[in-house]
Amino acid sequence: MSAAVLIADDHPLFRQALRLAVEKVLPGADIAEAGTLAAAARAASAAPDLKLILLDLKMPGAVGYSGIALLHAECPDVPILVVSSAEGAAAADEARVFGAIGFLHKGSDLGAIETAITQALGGRGPARASETTSEVEAIRETVSSLTPTQLKVLLAVLDGQLNKQIAHSLGISEATVKAHMTAIMRKLDVRNRTQAALVARSLGLDLRH
């Protein structure tokens, strides 16, 4: 079975460029493409031998770093290389907080992208801008404690959806949504949905990049 790579980006031309880079580094790879976060999550869960995820932060369905958090929760052992137009060292560090192995700017040339892909497949990322602090580790642990469904529920709460709407969009019952909210509030150490949303924003899940 060929190694699988997922390219998640809503721009077809950039997906094509990333495909060329992957084919150069990993000839014969089974490459899947997704233009939305929901499609990326489905593709990731359906790939039995997924070796790498190339992810853009700005995708339909993604809010801030939620795409990284969700895909990392779905596939915790699969390296995620963010290829984004977000600027600054902070974006790169924050991407790693939520589970990315590395961060590459979209303005990088094809050679740099190929090198980053090779490093990610080997379990390494581009050089870090700063060292991980205990505060960053605490954020990472909090986010990683949420299951993929709990992350989806929390993101829907951030979007202002009611339990009935969340249940419909996720295909689960309202009782299940309530159970997930109870678990989320316990993990975030809050007492209500409003506090949960505030904590989620403070963790960076609502940052716009």
N, C-alpha and C. Protein backbone atom coordinates (compact mmCIF):
# COMPACT_ATOMS: atom_id res chain seq x y z
N MET A 1 0.84 -1.20 0.00
CA MET A 1 0.00 0.00 0.00
C MET A 1 0.88 1.25 0.00
N SER A 2 0.56 2.20 -0.88
CA SER A 2 1.33 3.43 -0.98
C SER A 2 1.10 4.32 0.23
N ALA A 3 2.13 5.08 0.61
CA ALA A 3 1.98 6.05 1.69
C ALA A 3 1.01 7.13 1.24
N ALA A 4 0.17 7.58 2.16
CA ALA A 4 -0.84 8.59 1.83
C ALA A 4 -0.44 9.95 2.39
N VAL A 5 -0.73 10.98 1.60
CA VAL A 5 -0.48 12.36 2.01
C VAL A 5 -1.75 13.15 1.75
N LEU A 6 -2.15 13.98 2.70
CA LEU A 6 -3.34 14.82 2.56
C LEU A 6 -2.92 16.27 2.37
N ILE A 7 -3.43 16.88 1.30
CA ILE A 7 -3.19 18.31 1.05
C ILE A 7 -4.50 19.04 1.29
N ALA A 8 -4.54 19.88 2.31
CA ALA A 8 -5.76 20.60 2.67
C ALA A 8 -5.56 22.09 2.45
N ASP A 9 -6.14 22.59 1.38
CA ASP A 9 -6.03 24.01 1.02
C ASP A 9 -7.19 24.34 0.10
N ASP A 10 -7.77 25.52 0.26
CA ASP A 10 -8.95 25.85 -0.54
C ASP A 10 -8.59 26.50 -1.88
N HIS A 11 -7.30 26.61 -2.20
CA HIS A 11 -6.88 27.17 -3.48
C HIS A 11 -6.37 26.05 -4.39
N PRO A 12 -7.10 25.71 -5.46
CA PRO A 12 -6.71 24.61 -6.34
C PRO A 12 -5.30 24.73 -6.90
N LEU A 13 -4.89 25.93 -7.28
CA LEU A 13 -3.56 26.10 -7.86
C LEU A 13 -2.47 25.82 -6.84
N PHE A 14 -2.70 26.24 -5.59
CA PHE A 14 -1.67 25.97 -4.58
C PHE A 14 -1.67 24.49 -4.22
N ARG A 15 -2.85 23.85 -4.23
CA ARG A 15 -2.88 22.40 -4.01
C ARG A 15 -2.05 21.69 -5.08
N GLN A 16 -2.16 22.18 -6.32
CA GLN A 16 -1.39 21.58 -7.40
C GLN A 16 0.11 21.75 -7.18
N ALA A 17 0.52 22.91 -6.70
CA ALA A 17 1.94 23.15 -6.42
C ALA A 17 2.43 22.22 -5.31
N LEU A 18 1.63 22.06 -4.27
CA LEU A 18 2.01 21.16 -3.17
C LEU A 18 2.05 19.71 -3.65
N ARG A 19 1.13 19.35 -4.54
CA ARG A 19 1.13 18.00 -5.09
C ARG A 19 2.45 17.72 -5.83
N LEU A 20 2.91 18.69 -6.61
CA LEU A 20 4.17 18.53 -7.33
C LEU A 20 5.34 18.32 -6.36
N ALA A 21 5.31 19.09 -5.25
CA ALA A 21 6.37 18.95 -4.26
C ALA A 21 6.33 17.57 -3.59
N VAL A 22 5.14 17.11 -3.26
CA VAL A 22 4.99 15.79 -2.63
C VAL A 22 5.45 14.69 -3.58
N GLU A 23 5.06 14.78 -4.84
CA GLU A 23 5.43 13.76 -5.82
C GLU A 23 6.94 13.71 -6.04
N LYS A 24 7.58 14.87 -5.89
CA LYS A 24 9.04 14.91 -6.02
C LYS A 24 9.72 14.21 -4.84
N VAL A 25 9.19 14.47 -3.65
CA VAL A 25 9.79 13.91 -2.43
C VAL A 25 9.38 12.47 -2.20
N LEU A 26 8.12 12.15 -2.51
CA LEU A 26 7.57 10.83 -2.21
C LEU A 26 6.88 10.26 -3.46
N PRO A 27 7.68 9.81 -4.44
CA PRO A 27 7.10 9.28 -5.68
C PRO A 27 6.14 8.11 -5.41
N GLY A 28 5.01 8.13 -6.10
CA GLY A 28 4.04 7.05 -5.93
C GLY A 28 3.12 7.22 -4.74
N ALA A 29 3.21 8.35 -4.05
CA ALA A 29 2.35 8.57 -2.88
C ALA A 29 0.89 8.65 -3.30
N ASP A 30 0.02 8.18 -2.44
CA ASP A 30 -1.43 8.29 -2.65
C ASP A 30 -1.85 9.64 -2.08
N ILE A 31 -2.07 10.63 -2.94
CA ILE A 31 -2.32 12.00 -2.50
C ILE A 31 -3.81 12.31 -2.53
N ALA A 32 -4.33 12.72 -1.38
CA ALA A 32 -5.73 13.16 -1.28
C ALA A 32 -5.75 14.68 -1.13
N GLU A 33 -6.79 15.31 -1.66
CA GLU A 33 -6.92 16.76 -1.57
C GLU A 33 -8.25 17.13 -0.92
N ALA A 34 -8.24 18.25 -0.19
CA ALA A 34 -9.46 18.74 0.45
C ALA A 34 -9.47 20.25 0.42
N GLY A 35 -10.64 20.83 0.16
CA GLY A 35 -10.76 22.28 0.08
C GLY A 35 -11.45 22.91 1.26
N THR A 36 -11.94 22.08 2.19
CA THR A 36 -12.57 22.59 3.42
C THR A 36 -12.05 21.77 4.60
N LEU A 37 -12.24 22.30 5.80
CA LEU A 37 -11.78 21.58 6.99
C LEU A 37 -12.57 20.29 7.17
N ALA A 38 -13.87 20.34 6.92
CA ALA A 38 -14.71 19.14 7.07
C ALA A 38 -14.24 18.04 6.12
N ALA A 39 -13.95 18.42 4.88
CA ALA A 39 -13.48 17.44 3.90
C ALA A 39 -12.12 16.89 4.30
N ALA A 40 -11.28 17.74 4.87
CA ALA A 40 -9.96 17.30 5.32
C ALA A 40 -10.08 16.29 6.45
N ALA A 41 -10.98 16.55 7.39
CA ALA A 41 -11.18 15.63 8.51
C ALA A 41 -11.68 14.27 8.02
N ARG A 42 -12.60 14.30 7.04
CA ARG A 42 -13.11 13.04 6.48
C ARG A 42 -12.00 12.27 5.76
N ALA A 43 -11.21 13.00 4.98
CA ALA A 43 -10.13 12.35 4.24
C ALA A 43 -9.08 11.78 5.17
N ALA A 44 -8.78 12.51 6.24
CA ALA A 44 -7.76 12.05 7.19
C ALA A 44 -8.21 10.77 7.89
N SER A 45 -9.47 10.72 8.29
CA SER A 45 -9.97 9.54 9.00
C SER A 45 -10.11 8.34 8.07
N ALA A 46 -10.21 8.59 6.75
CA ALA A 46 -10.41 7.50 5.79
C ALA A 46 -9.11 6.95 5.23
N ALA A 47 -7.98 7.63 5.50
CA ALA A 47 -6.70 7.19 4.96
C ALA A 47 -6.01 6.23 5.92
N PRO A 48 -5.85 4.96 5.56
CA PRO A 48 -5.29 3.97 6.48
C PRO A 48 -3.78 4.12 6.72
N ASP A 49 -3.07 4.70 5.77
CA ASP A 49 -1.62 4.80 5.91
C ASP A 49 -1.16 6.25 5.71
N LEU A 50 -1.85 7.16 6.39
CA LEU A 50 -1.55 8.59 6.24
C LEU A 50 -0.20 8.91 6.89
N LYS A 51 0.70 9.52 6.10
CA LYS A 51 2.04 9.83 6.58
C LYS A 51 2.26 11.31 6.85
N LEU A 52 1.45 12.17 6.20
CA LEU A 52 1.68 13.60 6.34
C LEU A 52 0.43 14.38 5.95
N ILE A 53 0.18 15.47 6.67
CA ILE A 53 -0.90 16.40 6.32
C ILE A 53 -0.27 17.77 6.05
N LEU A 54 -0.55 18.32 4.87
CA LEU A 54 -0.14 19.69 4.54
C LEU A 54 -1.38 20.55 4.67
N LEU A 55 -1.33 21.53 5.55
CA LEU A 55 -2.54 22.25 5.94
C LEU A 55 -2.39 23.76 5.84
N ASP A 56 -3.39 24.38 5.21
CA ASP A 56 -3.50 25.84 5.21
C ASP A 56 -4.38 26.24 6.38
N LEU A 57 -4.03 27.32 7.08
CA LEU A 57 -4.85 27.78 8.21
C LEU A 57 -6.16 28.39 7.74
N LYS A 58 -6.13 29.09 6.61
CA LYS A 58 -7.32 29.80 6.13
C LYS A 58 -8.13 28.92 5.20
N MET A 59 -9.01 28.13 5.79
CA MET A 59 -9.86 27.24 5.02
C MET A 59 -11.30 27.37 5.48
N PRO A 60 -12.27 27.16 4.58
CA PRO A 60 -13.67 27.16 5.01
C PRO A 60 -13.90 26.15 6.12
N GLY A 61 -14.51 26.60 7.21
CA GLY A 61 -14.76 25.73 8.36
C GLY A 61 -13.71 25.84 9.44
N ALA A 62 -12.59 26.50 9.15
CA ALA A 62 -11.52 26.64 10.15
C ALA A 62 -11.56 28.03 10.77
N VAL A 63 -11.32 28.08 12.07
CA VAL A 63 -11.25 29.34 12.80
C VAL A 63 -9.91 29.37 13.52
N GLY A 64 -9.08 30.34 13.15
CA GLY A 64 -7.76 30.41 13.78
C GLY A 64 -6.97 29.13 13.59
N TYR A 65 -6.58 28.52 14.69
CA TYR A 65 -5.78 27.30 14.64
C TYR A 65 -6.62 26.04 14.83
N SER A 66 -7.95 26.18 14.69
CA SER A 66 -8.83 25.04 14.94
C SER A 66 -8.58 23.89 13.98
N GLY A 67 -8.16 24.20 12.74
CA GLY A 67 -7.88 23.14 11.78
C GLY A 67 -6.76 22.23 12.26
N ILE A 68 -5.70 22.83 12.80
CA ILE A 68 -4.59 22.04 13.33
C ILE A 68 -5.07 21.19 14.50
N ALA A 69 -5.78 21.83 15.43
CA ALA A 69 -6.23 21.14 16.64
C ALA A 69 -7.12 19.95 16.28
N LEU A 70 -8.03 20.17 15.33
CA LEU A 70 -8.97 19.11 14.96
C LEU A 70 -8.27 17.95 14.27
N LEU A 71 -7.43 18.25 13.28
CA LEU A 71 -6.75 17.18 12.56
C LEU A 71 -5.74 16.46 13.44
N HIS A 72 -5.11 17.20 14.36
CA HIS A 72 -4.18 16.56 15.29
C HIS A 72 -4.93 15.62 16.23
N ALA A 73 -6.14 16.01 16.62
CA ALA A 73 -6.94 15.13 17.47
C ALA A 73 -7.39 13.90 16.70
N GLU A 74 -7.74 14.08 15.43
CA GLU A 74 -8.17 12.95 14.59
C GLU A 74 -7.00 12.00 14.31
N CYS A 75 -5.81 12.54 14.07
CA CYS A 75 -4.65 11.73 13.68
C CYS A 75 -3.43 12.16 14.50
N PRO A 76 -3.40 11.84 15.78
CA PRO A 76 -2.33 12.35 16.66
C PRO A 76 -0.93 11.93 16.26
N ASP A 77 -0.79 10.84 15.52
CA ASP A 77 0.54 10.35 15.16
C ASP A 77 1.00 10.81 13.78
N VAL A 78 0.16 11.57 13.08
CA VAL A 78 0.49 12.02 11.73
C VAL A 78 1.04 13.45 11.79
N PRO A 79 2.25 13.69 11.27
CA PRO A 79 2.79 15.06 11.29
C PRO A 79 1.96 16.00 10.44
N ILE A 80 1.75 17.21 10.95
CA ILE A 80 1.01 18.25 10.22
C ILE A 80 1.98 19.38 9.92
N LEU A 81 2.16 19.65 8.64
CA LEU A 81 3.01 20.76 8.22
C LEU A 81 2.10 21.88 7.73
N VAL A 82 2.11 22.99 8.43
CA VAL A 82 1.28 24.13 8.04
C VAL A 82 2.00 24.92 6.95
N VAL A 83 1.28 25.17 5.86
CA VAL A 83 1.79 26.01 4.78
C VAL A 83 0.79 27.14 4.62
N SER A 84 1.14 28.32 5.14
CA SER A 84 0.16 29.39 5.28
C SER A 84 0.74 30.74 4.89
N SER A 85 -0.16 31.68 4.65
CA SER A 85 0.26 33.06 4.36
C SER A 85 0.33 33.90 5.62
N ALA A 86 0.03 33.32 6.78
CA ALA A 86 0.12 34.05 8.05
C ALA A 86 1.54 34.54 8.26
N GLU A 87 1.67 35.76 8.79
CA GLU A 87 2.98 36.38 8.95
C GLU A 87 3.48 36.29 10.39
N GLY A 88 4.77 36.31 10.56
CA GLY A 88 5.37 36.46 11.87
C GLY A 88 5.75 35.15 12.54
N ALA A 89 6.75 35.24 13.42
CA ALA A 89 7.21 34.07 14.15
C ALA A 89 6.15 33.55 15.11
N ALA A 90 5.29 34.45 15.62
CA ALA A 90 4.26 34.04 16.56
C ALA A 90 3.33 33.02 15.94
N ALA A 91 2.98 33.22 14.67
CA ALA A 91 2.07 32.28 14.00
C ALA A 91 2.70 30.89 13.93
N ALA A 92 3.99 30.84 13.66
CA ALA A 92 4.69 29.56 13.58
C ALA A 92 4.71 28.87 14.94
N ASP A 93 5.01 29.61 15.99
CA ASP A 93 5.03 29.03 17.33
C ASP A 93 3.65 28.57 17.76
N GLU A 94 2.64 29.39 17.48
CA GLU A 94 1.28 29.04 17.87
C GLU A 94 0.79 27.82 17.10
N ALA A 95 1.20 27.69 15.84
CA ALA A 95 0.82 26.51 15.06
C ALA A 95 1.36 25.24 15.72
N ARG A 96 2.59 25.33 16.21
CA ARG A 96 3.18 24.17 16.89
C ARG A 96 2.47 23.86 18.20
N VAL A 97 1.99 24.89 18.88
CA VAL A 97 1.27 24.68 20.13
C VAL A 97 0.07 23.76 19.92
N PHE A 98 -0.60 23.94 18.78
CA PHE A 98 -1.82 23.17 18.53
C PHE A 98 -1.57 21.85 17.83
N GLY A 99 -0.31 21.49 17.63
CA GLY A 99 -0.02 20.15 17.14
C GLY A 99 0.74 20.07 15.83
N ALA A 100 1.05 21.19 15.20
CA ALA A 100 1.79 21.15 13.93
C ALA A 100 3.26 20.83 14.18
N ILE A 101 3.86 20.06 13.27
CA ILE A 101 5.29 19.76 13.41
C ILE A 101 6.14 20.92 12.90
N GLY A 102 5.54 21.74 12.03
CA GLY A 102 6.29 22.87 11.49
C GLY A 102 5.40 23.83 10.75
N PHE A 103 5.99 24.93 10.34
CA PHE A 103 5.24 26.02 9.68
C PHE A 103 6.09 26.55 8.54
N LEU A 104 5.46 26.69 7.39
CA LEU A 104 6.15 27.19 6.21
C LEU A 104 5.29 28.26 5.55
N HIS A 105 5.92 29.38 5.19
CA HIS A 105 5.15 30.45 4.55
C HIS A 105 4.86 30.09 3.09
N LYS A 106 3.69 30.50 2.63
CA LYS A 106 3.29 30.19 1.26
C LYS A 106 4.19 30.84 0.21
N GLY A 107 4.93 31.85 0.62
CA GLY A 107 5.84 32.51 -0.30
C GLY A 107 7.14 31.75 -0.51
N SER A 108 7.31 30.63 0.19
CA SER A 108 8.54 29.84 0.06
C SER A 108 8.62 29.24 -1.34
N ASP A 109 9.87 29.09 -1.85
CA ASP A 109 10.01 28.49 -3.17
C ASP A 109 9.82 26.97 -3.09
N LEU A 110 9.70 26.34 -4.25
CA LEU A 110 9.39 24.91 -4.31
C LEU A 110 10.46 24.08 -3.62
N GLY A 111 11.71 24.49 -3.72
CA GLY A 111 12.78 23.75 -3.07
C GLY A 111 12.64 23.75 -1.56
N ALA A 112 12.27 24.90 -1.00
CA ALA A 112 12.09 25.00 0.45
C ALA A 112 10.90 24.15 0.90
N ILE A 113 9.85 24.12 0.09
CA ILE A 113 8.68 23.31 0.42
C ILE A 113 9.05 21.83 0.39
N GLU A 114 9.82 21.42 -0.62
CA GLU A 114 10.25 20.02 -0.71
C GLU A 114 11.10 19.64 0.49
N THR A 115 11.99 20.54 0.90
CA THR A 115 12.85 20.28 2.07
C THR A 115 12.00 20.13 3.33
N ALA A 116 11.03 21.02 3.50
CA ALA A 116 10.16 20.97 4.68
C ALA A 116 9.34 19.68 4.70
N ILE A 117 8.88 19.25 3.54
CA ILE A 117 8.12 18.00 3.46
C ILE A 117 9.00 16.82 3.85
N THR A 118 10.22 16.81 3.35
CA THR A 118 11.16 15.74 3.69
C THR A 118 11.42 15.71 5.19
N GLN A 119 11.64 16.88 5.79
CA GLN A 119 11.88 16.96 7.23
C GLN A 119 10.65 16.48 8.01
N ALA A 120 9.46 16.89 7.58
CA ALA A 120 8.23 16.50 8.29
C ALA A 120 8.02 14.99 8.23
N LEU A 121 8.30 14.39 7.07
CA LEU A 121 8.17 12.94 6.94
C LEU A 121 9.15 12.22 7.85
N GLY A 122 10.26 12.89 8.15
CA GLY A 122 11.26 12.32 9.05
C GLY A 122 11.04 12.67 10.50
N GLY A 123 9.91 13.33 10.77
CA GLY A 123 9.58 13.68 12.15
C GLY A 123 10.21 14.95 12.64
N ARG A 124 10.70 15.78 11.69
CA ARG A 124 11.30 17.05 12.08
C ARG A 124 10.61 18.19 11.36
N GLY A 125 10.72 19.39 11.93
CA GLY A 125 10.13 20.56 11.31
C GLY A 125 11.18 21.62 11.06
N PRO A 126 10.83 22.69 10.32
CA PRO A 126 11.75 23.81 10.14
C PRO A 126 12.19 24.38 11.48
N ALA A 127 13.30 25.08 11.49
CA ALA A 127 13.84 25.63 12.73
C ALA A 127 12.81 26.45 13.48
N ARG A 128 12.79 26.29 14.79
CA ARG A 128 11.82 26.99 15.64
C ARG A 128 12.30 28.40 15.89
N ALA A 129 11.32 29.31 16.04
CA ALA A 129 11.65 30.70 16.31
C ALA A 129 11.94 30.92 17.80
N SER A 130 11.32 30.09 18.65
CA SER A 130 11.53 30.24 20.09
C SER A 130 11.29 28.92 20.79
N GLU A 131 11.76 28.81 22.00
CA GLU A 131 11.60 27.58 22.76
C GLU A 131 10.20 27.51 23.37
N THR A 132 9.72 26.27 23.52
CA THR A 132 8.41 26.06 24.13
C THR A 132 8.48 26.38 25.63
N THR A 133 7.55 27.19 26.12
CA THR A 133 7.51 27.53 27.54
C THR A 133 6.51 26.64 28.25
N SER A 134 6.53 26.70 29.59
CA SER A 134 5.57 25.89 30.36
C SER A 134 4.14 26.34 30.07
N GLU A 135 3.96 27.64 29.81
CA GLU A 135 2.62 28.15 29.48
C GLU A 135 2.13 27.56 28.17
N VAL A 136 3.02 27.49 27.18
CA VAL A 136 2.67 26.91 25.89
C VAL A 136 2.33 25.43 26.05
N GLU A 137 3.10 24.72 26.86
CA GLU A 137 2.83 23.32 27.09
C GLU A 137 1.47 23.12 27.75
N ALA A 138 1.11 24.02 28.65
CA ALA A 138 -0.19 23.94 29.32
C ALA A 138 -1.32 24.10 28.30
N ILE A 139 -1.14 25.03 27.36
CA ILE A 139 -2.14 25.23 26.31
C ILE A 139 -2.25 23.97 25.46
N ARG A 140 -1.11 23.41 25.08
CA ARG A 140 -1.10 22.21 24.26
C ARG A 140 -1.85 21.06 24.96
N GLU A 141 -1.58 20.90 26.24
CA GLU A 141 -2.21 19.81 26.99
C GLU A 141 -3.72 20.00 27.08
N THR A 142 -4.16 21.26 27.29
CA THR A 142 -5.59 21.53 27.38
C THR A 142 -6.29 21.22 26.07
N VAL A 143 -5.73 21.67 24.97
CA VAL A 143 -6.35 21.43 23.66
C VAL A 143 -6.32 19.95 23.33
N SER A 144 -5.21 19.28 23.58
CA SER A 144 -5.08 17.87 23.22
C SER A 144 -5.98 16.98 24.08
N SER A 145 -6.46 17.50 25.21
CA SER A 145 -7.35 16.69 26.05
C SER A 145 -8.76 16.59 25.48
N LEU A 146 -9.09 17.45 24.52
CA LEU A 146 -10.41 17.43 23.90
C LEU A 146 -10.43 16.42 22.75
N THR A 147 -11.51 15.65 22.67
CA THR A 147 -11.65 14.70 21.56
C THR A 147 -12.04 15.47 20.29
N PRO A 148 -11.92 14.84 19.11
CA PRO A 148 -12.32 15.52 17.87
C PRO A 148 -13.76 16.04 17.92
N THR A 149 -14.68 15.24 18.46
CA THR A 149 -16.08 15.68 18.52
C THR A 149 -16.23 16.84 19.50
N GLN A 150 -15.52 16.78 20.63
CA GLN A 150 -15.59 17.88 21.58
C GLN A 150 -15.06 19.16 20.97
N LEU A 151 -14.00 19.07 20.17
CA LEU A 151 -13.48 20.25 19.48
C LEU A 151 -14.52 20.81 18.52
N LYS A 152 -15.21 19.93 17.79
CA LYS A 152 -16.24 20.38 16.86
C LYS A 152 -17.37 21.07 17.60
N VAL A 153 -17.77 20.52 18.74
CA VAL A 153 -18.83 21.13 19.54
C VAL A 153 -18.38 22.49 20.05
N LEU A 154 -17.15 22.58 20.55
CA LEU A 154 -16.64 23.84 21.09
C LEU A 154 -16.54 24.91 19.99
N LEU A 155 -16.10 24.52 18.81
CA LEU A 155 -16.02 25.47 17.70
C LEU A 155 -17.40 25.95 17.29
N ALA A 156 -18.39 25.06 17.37
CA ALA A 156 -19.76 25.46 17.05
C ALA A 156 -20.28 26.45 18.09
N VAL A 157 -19.92 26.24 19.35
CA VAL A 157 -20.30 27.18 20.41
C VAL A 157 -19.67 28.54 20.15
N LEU A 158 -18.40 28.53 19.74
CA LEU A 158 -17.72 29.79 19.39
C LEU A 158 -18.44 30.50 18.25
N ASP A 159 -19.05 29.70 17.36
CA ASP A 159 -19.77 30.25 16.22
C ASP A 159 -21.17 30.72 16.59
N GLY A 160 -21.55 30.55 17.87
CA GLY A 160 -22.85 31.01 18.34
C GLY A 160 -23.99 30.04 18.11
N GLN A 161 -23.69 28.79 17.78
CA GLN A 161 -24.75 27.83 17.51
C GLN A 161 -25.36 27.29 18.80
N LEU A 162 -26.65 27.00 18.74
CA LEU A 162 -27.36 26.39 19.86
C LEU A 162 -27.20 24.88 19.80
N ASN A 163 -27.55 24.20 20.91
CA ASN A 163 -27.40 22.75 20.96
C ASN A 163 -28.12 22.05 19.82
N LYS A 164 -29.32 22.53 19.49
CA LYS A 164 -30.11 21.91 18.42
C LYS A 164 -29.39 22.03 17.09
N GLN A 165 -28.80 23.19 16.83
CA GLN A 165 -28.07 23.40 15.59
C GLN A 165 -26.80 22.54 15.53
N ILE A 166 -26.13 22.45 16.67
CA ILE A 166 -24.91 21.64 16.73
C ILE A 166 -25.24 20.17 16.50
N ALA A 167 -26.31 19.71 17.13
CA ALA A 167 -26.73 18.32 16.97
C ALA A 167 -27.02 18.01 15.51
N HIS A 168 -27.72 18.93 14.84
CA HIS A 168 -28.08 18.72 13.43
C HIS A 168 -26.83 18.69 12.55
N SER A 169 -25.91 19.63 12.76
CA SER A 169 -24.73 19.71 11.90
C SER A 169 -23.77 18.54 12.11
N LEU A 170 -23.72 17.99 13.33
CA LEU A 170 -22.81 16.88 13.62
C LEU A 170 -23.48 15.52 13.50
N GLY A 171 -24.82 15.51 13.31
CA GLY A 171 -25.53 14.25 13.17
C GLY A 171 -25.62 13.46 14.46
N ILE A 172 -25.72 14.18 15.59
CA ILE A 172 -25.85 13.52 16.89
C ILE A 172 -27.06 14.10 17.61
N SER A 173 -27.42 13.52 18.74
CA SER A 173 -28.59 13.99 19.48
C SER A 173 -28.23 15.20 20.35
N GLU A 174 -29.26 15.95 20.75
CA GLU A 174 -29.03 17.08 21.64
C GLU A 174 -28.47 16.60 22.98
N ALA A 175 -28.93 15.43 23.41
CA ALA A 175 -28.43 14.88 24.68
C ALA A 175 -26.93 14.61 24.60
N THR A 176 -26.49 14.14 23.42
CA THR A 176 -25.06 13.88 23.24
C THR A 176 -24.28 15.18 23.22
N VAL A 177 -24.85 16.21 22.60
CA VAL A 177 -24.20 17.53 22.60
C VAL A 177 -24.04 18.02 24.03
N LYS A 178 -25.10 17.89 24.82
CA LYS A 178 -25.04 18.33 26.22
C LYS A 178 -23.97 17.56 26.99
N ALA A 179 -23.86 16.25 26.72
CA ALA A 179 -22.86 15.43 27.40
C ALA A 179 -21.46 15.90 27.03
N HIS A 180 -21.27 16.22 25.74
CA HIS A 180 -19.96 16.73 25.30
C HIS A 180 -19.66 18.08 25.95
N MET A 181 -20.68 18.93 26.06
CA MET A 181 -20.47 20.24 26.68
C MET A 181 -20.08 20.09 28.15
N THR A 182 -20.70 19.13 28.81
CA THR A 182 -20.36 18.88 30.22
C THR A 182 -18.90 18.46 30.34
N ALA A 183 -18.48 17.58 29.43
CA ALA A 183 -17.08 17.12 29.45
C ALA A 183 -16.12 18.26 29.11
N ILE A 184 -16.51 19.09 28.13
CA ILE A 184 -15.67 20.22 27.74
C ILE A 184 -15.50 21.19 28.90
N MET A 185 -16.60 21.52 29.57
CA MET A 185 -16.53 22.47 30.69
C MET A 185 -15.69 21.92 31.83
N ARG A 186 -15.77 20.60 32.04
CA ARG A 186 -14.95 20.00 33.08
C ARG A 186 -13.47 20.10 32.72
N LYS A 187 -13.13 19.80 31.47
CA LYS A 187 -11.73 19.84 31.04
C LYS A 187 -11.17 21.26 31.05
N LEU A 188 -12.03 22.23 30.71
CA LEU A 188 -11.57 23.63 30.68
C LEU A 188 -11.72 24.30 32.04
N ASP A 189 -12.31 23.57 33.01
CA ASP A 189 -12.51 24.08 34.36
C ASP A 189 -13.36 25.35 34.37
N VAL A 190 -14.50 25.29 33.67
CA VAL A 190 -15.45 26.40 33.63
C VAL A 190 -16.84 25.88 33.97
N ARG A 191 -17.80 26.83 34.16
CA ARG A 191 -19.13 26.43 34.62
C ARG A 191 -20.22 26.58 33.58
N ASN A 192 -19.97 27.32 32.50
CA ASN A 192 -21.02 27.51 31.50
C ASN A 192 -20.42 27.69 30.11
N ARG A 193 -21.32 27.76 29.10
CA ARG A 193 -20.89 27.86 27.71
C ARG A 193 -20.11 29.15 27.44
N THR A 194 -20.56 30.24 28.06
CA THR A 194 -19.89 31.52 27.84
C THR A 194 -18.45 31.47 28.31
N GLN A 195 -18.24 30.91 29.49
CA GLN A 195 -16.88 30.78 30.01
C GLN A 195 -16.05 29.86 29.13
N ALA A 196 -16.68 28.79 28.62
CA ALA A 196 -15.97 27.85 27.75
C ALA A 196 -15.51 28.57 26.48
N ALA A 197 -16.37 29.42 25.93
CA ALA A 197 -16.02 30.17 24.73
C ALA A 197 -14.87 31.14 25.01
N LEU A 198 -14.92 31.78 26.16
CA LEU A 198 -13.86 32.72 26.53
C LEU A 198 -12.51 32.01 26.68
N VAL A 199 -12.54 30.84 27.31
CA VAL A 199 -11.30 30.08 27.48
C VAL A 199 -10.78 29.62 26.12
N ALA A 200 -11.70 29.18 25.25
CA ALA A 200 -11.29 28.74 23.91
C ALA A 200 -10.61 29.86 23.16
N ARG A 201 -11.16 31.06 23.28
CA ARG A 201 -10.54 32.22 22.61
C ARG A 201 -9.16 32.52 23.21
N SER A 202 -9.06 32.38 24.52
CA SER A 202 -7.77 32.66 25.17
C SER A 202 -6.73 31.62 24.77
N LEU A 203 -7.17 30.41 24.38
CA LEU A 203 -6.25 29.36 23.93
C LEU A 203 -5.84 29.54 22.48
N GLY A 204 -6.48 30.50 21.80
CA GLY A 204 -6.12 30.76 20.42
C GLY A 204 -7.01 30.12 19.38
N LEU A 205 -8.04 29.39 19.81
CA LEU A 205 -8.90 28.71 18.84
C LEU A 205 -9.73 29.71 18.03
N ASP A 206 -9.86 30.92 18.50
CA ASP A 206 -10.66 31.91 17.79
C ASP A 206 -9.80 33.00 17.14
N LEU A 207 -8.48 32.79 17.10
CA LEU A 207 -7.60 33.76 16.47
C LEU A 207 -7.76 33.68 14.96
N ARG A 208 -7.83 34.81 14.29
CA ARG A 208 -8.02 34.83 12.84
C ARG A 208 -6.68 34.98 12.13
N HIS A 209 -6.32 33.96 11.35
CA HIS A 209 -5.08 34.01 10.56
C HIS A 209 -5.39 33.59 9.14
